[in-house]
Amino acid sequence: MIALAPLPRGPVRRVAFLGTPALAVPVLEALVNDGVEVAHVVTRADKRRGRGPELSPSPVMECARRVGLPVGHTVDELLDLHRHVPIDLGVVVAYGALIKPNVLREIPMVNIHVSLLPRWRGAAPVERALLAGDSETGVCIMQVEEGLDTGGVLASARMTIDQHTTADDIRARLIADGTVLLLRQLRDGLSVPVPQVGEPSHAAKIEPGELRIDWSRDAASISRLIRLGGAWTTHRGRRLKIHAADVRPSSSEQGSLDRGAILAVDGHVEVGTSDGFLVLRSVQAEGKNRMDAGAWANGAQLRPDEVLGDG
């Protein structure tokens, strides 16, 4: 372990901000609006965001330019700045890379991490909490150290995950709560970091193949995957995204459907799972716009023997 730069005592007035995606933008805006001096912003390099060859700046880069903050792509830039006019603290929000030890030796840093550490350290804490069926999650203000999300926790807040909560809901709530915690820490002085306690788990990045729906799984598991965003299946050999669906348990009176079998009745579209049904609410056929599932079923003229996941 390296010797970390000590956290500042008393109110924090001059910070550097390290972040990249849209998730981090509200935090940067809140710092500026609260009167915190943001001496420099560091974000990841421009990259392609569509099918064209053009490179696009990150959302944090766009925000920094909009509000007139100096911004660059290299963390080492902070060292030169810090040696001329000291930076009290680095604030990290979804930066997308580990901070190098030589920087942490000179500039203390904290991170807004959207899980209750040590559960779900890593790149996809919101997604893994939802997929695992966790009943609650939270946000931590943690000290950045050499390890991946291993630093002591300065402050935290919790939220409940219910059967309708989406990944977008969780992110929005936790970033809002984390921003409140961060601003309070900066105004009142940083708390003493408390070492993480408990069994750690790793939140690996979601791979594209994980988003394909397996209709042989239980309805609740498939519902959680759909609430992640981007879940898909196939219909007549073409991709069909499922944007929203409700779980309906099976009963002896209702009968059952084979796994993946489709039943469209009175504008409702039901699909069989291992233990019940999913009632599809919103879908998107390949090359089409998102639409109500009933409207999709009418347009597709579903046959009685059709199944989803057919190719």
Protein backbone atom coordinates (compact mmCIF):
# COMPACT_ATOMS: atom_id res chain seq x y z
CA MET A 1 0.00 0.00 0.00
CA ILE A 2 1.20 3.50 -0.84
CA ALA A 3 1.21 6.39 1.62
CA LEU A 4 -1.86 8.39 0.65
CA ALA A 5 -1.93 12.17 0.80
CA PRO A 6 -3.82 13.06 4.00
CA LEU A 7 -7.40 14.23 3.71
CA PRO A 8 -7.81 17.95 4.44
CA ARG A 9 -9.19 19.19 7.74
CA GLY A 10 -11.94 21.77 7.87
CA PRO A 11 -14.07 23.00 4.96
CA VAL A 12 -12.87 22.08 1.47
CA ARG A 13 -12.80 25.03 -0.91
CA ARG A 14 -10.68 24.06 -3.94
CA VAL A 15 -11.18 20.74 -5.73
CA ALA A 16 -10.34 18.89 -8.90
CA PHE A 17 -13.11 16.85 -10.53
CA LEU A 18 -12.57 13.52 -12.30
CA GLY A 19 -15.53 12.01 -14.17
CA THR A 20 -16.71 10.96 -17.59
CA PRO A 21 -20.34 9.87 -18.24
CA ALA A 22 -23.64 11.72 -17.93
CA LEU A 23 -24.01 10.17 -14.48
CA ALA A 24 -21.24 12.47 -13.21
CA VAL A 25 -22.56 15.71 -14.70
CA PRO A 26 -25.09 16.57 -11.94
CA VAL A 27 -22.32 16.32 -9.34
CA LEU A 28 -20.04 18.69 -11.24
CA GLU A 29 -22.92 21.13 -11.72
CA ALA A 30 -23.78 20.96 -8.02
CA LEU A 31 -20.19 21.76 -7.03
CA VAL A 32 -20.18 24.82 -9.27
CA ASN A 33 -23.62 25.96 -8.09
CA ASP A 34 -22.59 25.54 -4.45
CA GLY A 35 -19.66 27.89 -4.92
CA VAL A 36 -16.90 25.27 -4.68
CA GLU A 37 -13.83 26.29 -6.69
CA VAL A 38 -13.29 23.58 -9.31
CA ALA A 39 -9.66 24.17 -10.28
CA HIS A 40 -9.53 21.56 -13.04
CA VAL A 41 -11.63 18.80 -14.60
CA VAL A 42 -10.19 15.52 -15.89
CA THR A 43 -12.24 13.24 -18.14
CA ARG A 44 -11.57 10.30 -20.46
CA ALA A 45 -10.52 10.87 -24.05
CA ASP A 46 -13.06 11.61 -26.79
CA LYS A 47 -14.45 8.53 -28.50
CA ARG A 48 -16.97 7.40 -31.08
CA ARG A 49 -20.50 7.35 -29.68
CA GLY A 50 -22.41 6.35 -32.80
CA ARG A 51 -21.75 4.61 -36.09
CA GLY A 52 -19.90 7.51 -37.69
CA PRO A 53 -16.13 8.11 -37.57
CA GLU A 54 -16.38 11.36 -35.61
CA LEU A 55 -15.06 11.50 -32.06
CA SER A 56 -17.35 13.01 -29.44
CA PRO A 57 -16.37 14.56 -26.11
CA SER A 58 -17.62 12.97 -22.90
CA PRO A 59 -20.67 14.47 -21.17
CA VAL A 60 -18.36 15.77 -18.42
CA MET A 61 -16.14 17.46 -21.02
CA GLU A 62 -19.19 19.15 -22.53
CA CYS A 63 -20.37 20.30 -19.10
CA ALA A 64 -16.95 21.67 -18.15
CA ARG A 65 -16.74 23.66 -21.37
CA ARG A 66 -20.28 24.96 -20.93
CA VAL A 67 -19.58 26.37 -17.47
CA GLY A 68 -16.09 27.60 -18.37
CA LEU A 69 -13.93 25.19 -16.38
CA PRO A 70 -10.42 24.14 -17.46
CA VAL A 71 -10.54 20.53 -18.61
CA GLY A 72 -8.13 17.89 -19.89
CA HIS A 73 -7.64 14.15 -20.34
CA THR A 74 -4.59 13.43 -18.17
CA VAL A 75 -4.62 12.98 -14.40
CA ASP A 76 -0.94 13.96 -14.27
CA GLU A 77 -2.01 17.49 -15.26
CA LEU A 78 -3.29 17.84 -11.71
CA LEU A 79 0.19 17.42 -10.25
CA ASP A 80 1.61 20.49 -12.00
CA LEU A 81 -1.43 22.50 -10.99
CA HIS A 82 -1.28 21.23 -7.41
CA ARG A 83 2.40 22.18 -7.06
CA HIS A 84 1.66 25.77 -8.06
CA VAL A 85 -1.65 26.29 -6.22
CA PRO A 86 -2.56 23.35 -3.94
CA ILE A 87 -5.75 21.41 -4.60
CA ASP A 88 -7.55 20.54 -1.36
CA LEU A 89 -9.25 17.42 -2.72
CA GLY A 90 -9.95 15.41 -5.84
CA VAL A 91 -13.60 14.39 -6.34
CA VAL A 92 -14.06 11.26 -8.47
CA VAL A 93 -17.40 10.23 -10.00
CA ALA A 94 -17.41 7.40 -12.56
CA TYR A 95 -14.08 8.47 -14.02
CA GLY A 96 -13.56 5.07 -15.63
CA ALA A 97 -9.95 4.29 -14.65
CA LEU A 98 -7.87 3.76 -11.54
CA ILE A 99 -6.00 6.80 -10.27
CA LYS A 100 -2.23 6.30 -10.44
CA PRO A 101 -0.32 5.96 -7.15
CA ASN A 102 1.96 8.92 -7.88
CA VAL A 103 -1.11 11.17 -7.95
CA LEU A 104 -2.65 9.72 -4.78
CA ARG A 105 0.60 10.35 -2.91
CA GLU A 106 0.20 14.09 -3.50
CA ILE A 107 -3.52 14.80 -3.89
CA PRO A 108 -6.13 13.28 -1.53
CA MET A 109 -9.24 12.03 -3.32
CA VAL A 110 -12.75 10.83 -2.53
CA ASN A 111 -15.15 8.94 -4.76
CA ILE A 112 -18.95 8.76 -4.96
CA HIS A 113 -19.55 5.01 -5.31
CA VAL A 114 -23.10 3.77 -5.95
CA SER A 115 -23.24 0.73 -3.69
CA LEU A 116 -22.99 -0.12 -0.01
CA LEU A 117 -19.35 -1.09 0.16
CA PRO A 118 -17.78 -3.59 0.31
CA ARG A 119 -20.69 -5.10 -1.65
CA TRP A 120 -20.35 -4.49 -5.38
CA ARG A 121 -16.93 -3.01 -5.83
CA GLY A 122 -16.22 -2.39 -9.50
CA ALA A 123 -17.64 -1.07 -12.75
CA ALA A 124 -21.34 -1.99 -12.56
CA PRO A 125 -22.56 -1.81 -8.94
CA VAL A 126 -26.10 -0.67 -9.78
CA GLU A 127 -26.59 -3.36 -12.41
CA ARG A 128 -25.22 -6.17 -10.24
CA ALA A 129 -27.31 -5.16 -7.23
CA LEU A 130 -30.45 -5.24 -9.37
CA LEU A 131 -29.64 -8.53 -11.10
CA ALA A 132 -28.81 -10.20 -7.79
CA GLY A 133 -32.22 -9.29 -6.39
CA ASP A 134 -30.79 -7.13 -3.58
CA SER A 135 -33.58 -5.55 -1.55
CA GLU A 136 -31.52 -2.46 -0.86
CA THR A 137 -28.45 -0.65 -2.07
CA GLY A 138 -26.89 2.71 -1.38
CA VAL A 139 -24.16 5.23 -2.03
CA CYS A 140 -20.85 5.82 -0.27
CA ILE A 141 -18.40 8.69 -0.12
CA MET A 142 -15.14 6.77 0.08
CA GLN A 143 -11.46 7.63 0.14
CA VAL A 144 -9.68 6.69 -3.07
CA GLU A 145 -6.70 4.42 -2.61
CA GLU A 146 -4.66 2.12 -4.81
CA GLY A 147 -7.13 -0.78 -4.69
CA LEU A 148 -10.42 -0.91 -6.59
CA ASP A 149 -13.09 0.68 -4.35
CA THR A 150 -11.33 -0.52 -1.19
CA GLY A 151 -10.94 2.78 0.66
CA GLY A 152 -12.51 3.80 3.94
CA VAL A 153 -16.06 5.19 3.94
CA LEU A 154 -16.70 8.78 5.05
CA ALA A 155 -20.50 8.82 4.66
CA SER A 156 -23.28 6.68 3.19
CA ALA A 157 -27.01 6.56 2.46
CA ARG A 158 -29.37 3.66 1.70
CA MET A 159 -32.33 3.07 -0.61
CA THR A 160 -34.84 0.25 -1.07
CA ILE A 161 -35.13 -1.68 -4.33
CA ASP A 162 -38.66 -2.92 -5.04
CA GLN A 163 -40.13 -4.96 -7.90
CA HIS A 164 -40.62 -1.89 -10.09
CA THR A 165 -37.30 -0.09 -9.50
CA THR A 166 -35.18 0.27 -12.65
CA ALA A 167 -31.44 0.75 -12.94
CA ASP A 168 -32.07 4.31 -14.12
CA ASP A 169 -34.18 4.94 -10.99
CA ILE A 170 -31.37 3.67 -8.77
CA ARG A 171 -28.67 5.72 -10.48
CA ALA A 172 -30.67 8.93 -10.32
CA ARG A 173 -31.54 8.48 -6.65
CA LEU A 174 -28.04 7.48 -5.55
CA ILE A 175 -26.28 10.24 -7.45
CA ALA A 176 -28.69 12.76 -5.92
CA ASP A 177 -28.14 11.35 -2.43
CA GLY A 178 -24.39 11.11 -2.99
CA THR A 179 -24.23 14.73 -4.11
CA VAL A 180 -25.97 15.85 -0.91
CA LEU A 181 -23.52 13.81 1.17
CA LEU A 182 -20.54 15.18 -0.74
CA LEU A 183 -21.54 18.83 -0.41
CA ARG A 184 -22.15 18.36 3.31
CA GLN A 185 -18.70 16.81 3.71
CA LEU A 186 -17.05 19.67 1.82
CA ARG A 187 -18.85 22.35 3.83
CA ASP A 188 -18.51 20.80 7.28
CA GLY A 189 -15.14 19.10 6.91
CA LEU A 190 -14.42 15.51 5.91
CA SER A 191 -15.30 12.70 8.29
CA VAL A 192 -12.68 10.20 9.37
CA PRO A 193 -12.79 7.28 6.89
CA VAL A 194 -14.12 4.05 8.41
CA PRO A 195 -12.62 0.81 7.05
CA GLN A 196 -15.03 -1.34 5.06
CA VAL A 197 -16.48 -4.29 6.96
CA GLY A 198 -18.00 -7.44 5.46
CA GLU A 199 -17.51 -9.80 2.56
CA PRO A 200 -16.64 -7.91 -0.64
CA SER A 201 -18.23 -8.74 -3.98
CA HIS A 202 -17.17 -7.70 -7.46
CA ALA A 203 -19.46 -5.79 -9.83
CA ALA A 204 -18.12 -6.85 -13.21
CA LYS A 205 -19.10 -4.89 -16.29
CA ILE A 206 -22.28 -6.17 -17.95
CA GLU A 207 -21.39 -8.11 -21.09
CA PRO A 208 -23.72 -7.85 -24.13
CA GLY A 209 -24.59 -11.53 -24.00
CA GLU A 210 -25.97 -11.17 -20.48
CA LEU A 211 -28.77 -8.96 -21.80
CA ARG A 212 -30.33 -11.74 -23.89
CA ILE A 213 -33.43 -13.08 -22.14
CA ASP A 214 -33.50 -16.77 -21.23
CA TRP A 215 -37.19 -17.63 -20.99
CA SER A 216 -36.41 -20.80 -19.02
CA ARG A 217 -35.59 -18.62 -16.01
CA ASP A 218 -38.12 -17.47 -13.42
CA ALA A 219 -40.26 -14.41 -14.11
CA ALA A 220 -38.74 -12.29 -11.33
CA SER A 221 -35.19 -12.82 -12.64
CA ILE A 222 -36.23 -11.88 -16.16
CA SER A 223 -38.05 -8.82 -14.83
CA ARG A 224 -34.87 -7.65 -13.10
CA LEU A 225 -32.93 -8.07 -16.34
CA ILE A 226 -35.50 -5.99 -18.22
CA ARG A 227 -35.34 -3.27 -15.56
CA LEU A 228 -31.60 -3.10 -16.19
CA GLY A 229 -32.27 -1.62 -19.65
CA GLY A 230 -31.30 -3.14 -22.98
CA ALA A 231 -32.75 -6.65 -22.48
CA TRP A 232 -33.67 -8.41 -25.70
CA THR A 233 -34.99 -11.59 -27.20
CA THR A 234 -35.80 -12.69 -30.74
CA HIS A 235 -39.05 -12.94 -32.67
CA ARG A 236 -39.14 -14.57 -36.09
CA GLY A 237 -35.36 -14.48 -36.07
CA ARG A 238 -35.07 -10.74 -35.49
CA ARG A 239 -34.12 -8.88 -32.33
CA LEU A 240 -36.91 -7.61 -30.08
CA LYS A 241 -36.05 -5.34 -27.16
CA ILE A 242 -38.23 -5.58 -24.07
CA HIS A 243 -38.38 -2.20 -22.32
CA ALA A 244 -41.00 -2.87 -19.65
CA ALA A 245 -42.89 -5.88 -18.30
CA ASP A 246 -44.79 -6.99 -15.20
CA VAL A 247 -44.55 -10.30 -13.37
CA ARG A 248 -47.71 -12.39 -13.10
CA PRO A 249 -47.51 -15.67 -11.17
CA SER A 250 -49.24 -18.71 -12.63
CA SER A 251 -52.15 -20.43 -10.93
CA SER A 252 -54.12 -23.61 -11.49
CA GLU A 253 -57.09 -21.57 -12.73
CA GLN A 254 -55.03 -19.63 -15.27
CA GLY A 255 -53.08 -22.58 -16.60
CA SER A 256 -49.59 -22.04 -17.93
CA LEU A 257 -47.60 -21.22 -21.03
CA ASP A 258 -44.54 -22.96 -22.37
CA ARG A 259 -41.33 -21.05 -21.78
CA GLY A 260 -41.13 -18.24 -24.31
CA ALA A 261 -44.61 -18.94 -25.69
CA ILE A 262 -46.64 -15.80 -26.50
CA LEU A 263 -50.31 -15.21 -25.73
CA ALA A 264 -51.97 -11.98 -26.89
CA VAL A 265 -55.45 -11.38 -25.44
CA ASP A 266 -57.43 -8.11 -25.25
CA GLY A 267 -54.39 -5.95 -25.88
CA HIS A 268 -52.22 -7.78 -23.33
CA VAL A 269 -49.16 -9.77 -24.34
CA GLU A 270 -48.08 -12.57 -21.98
CA VAL A 271 -44.95 -14.69 -22.28
CA GLY A 272 -44.35 -17.95 -20.43
CA THR A 273 -41.44 -18.39 -18.01
CA SER A 274 -40.35 -21.24 -15.75
CA ASP A 275 -42.77 -20.26 -12.98
CA GLY A 276 -45.39 -17.95 -14.43
CA PHE A 277 -45.80 -15.17 -16.94
CA LEU A 278 -44.39 -11.83 -17.91
CA VAL A 279 -46.91 -9.29 -19.17
CA LEU A 280 -45.07 -7.21 -21.76
CA ARG A 281 -45.77 -3.48 -21.59
CA SER A 282 -43.32 -1.86 -23.99
CA VAL A 283 -41.21 -3.38 -26.77
CA GLN A 284 -39.10 -2.34 -29.73
CA ALA A 285 -38.84 -4.47 -32.84
CA GLU A 286 -35.62 -4.36 -34.83
CA GLY A 287 -35.53 -1.21 -36.97
CA LYS A 288 -38.65 0.21 -35.30
CA ASN A 289 -39.44 2.71 -32.56
CA ARG A 290 -40.43 1.74 -29.04
CA MET A 291 -44.15 0.99 -28.78
CA ASP A 292 -46.88 -0.46 -26.61
CA ALA A 293 -46.67 -4.25 -26.56
CA GLY A 294 -50.33 -4.63 -27.53
CA ALA A 295 -49.86 -2.44 -30.60
CA TRP A 296 -46.78 -4.46 -31.55
CA ALA A 297 -48.72 -7.72 -31.22
CA ASN A 298 -51.54 -6.43 -33.42
CA GLY A 299 -49.12 -5.29 -36.09
CA ALA A 300 -47.13 -8.53 -35.98
CA GLN A 301 -50.29 -10.66 -36.30
CA LEU A 302 -49.01 -13.25 -33.85
CA ARG A 303 -49.69 -16.89 -34.57
CA PRO A 304 -50.88 -19.24 -31.78
CA ASP A 305 -47.73 -21.38 -31.85
CA GLU A 306 -45.13 -18.59 -31.79
CA VAL A 307 -42.40 -18.29 -29.18
CA LEU A 308 -39.85 -15.64 -28.28
CA GLY A 309 -36.16 -16.52 -28.34
CA ASP A 310 -36.55 -18.52 -31.53
CA GLY A 311 -33.24 -17.73 -33.12
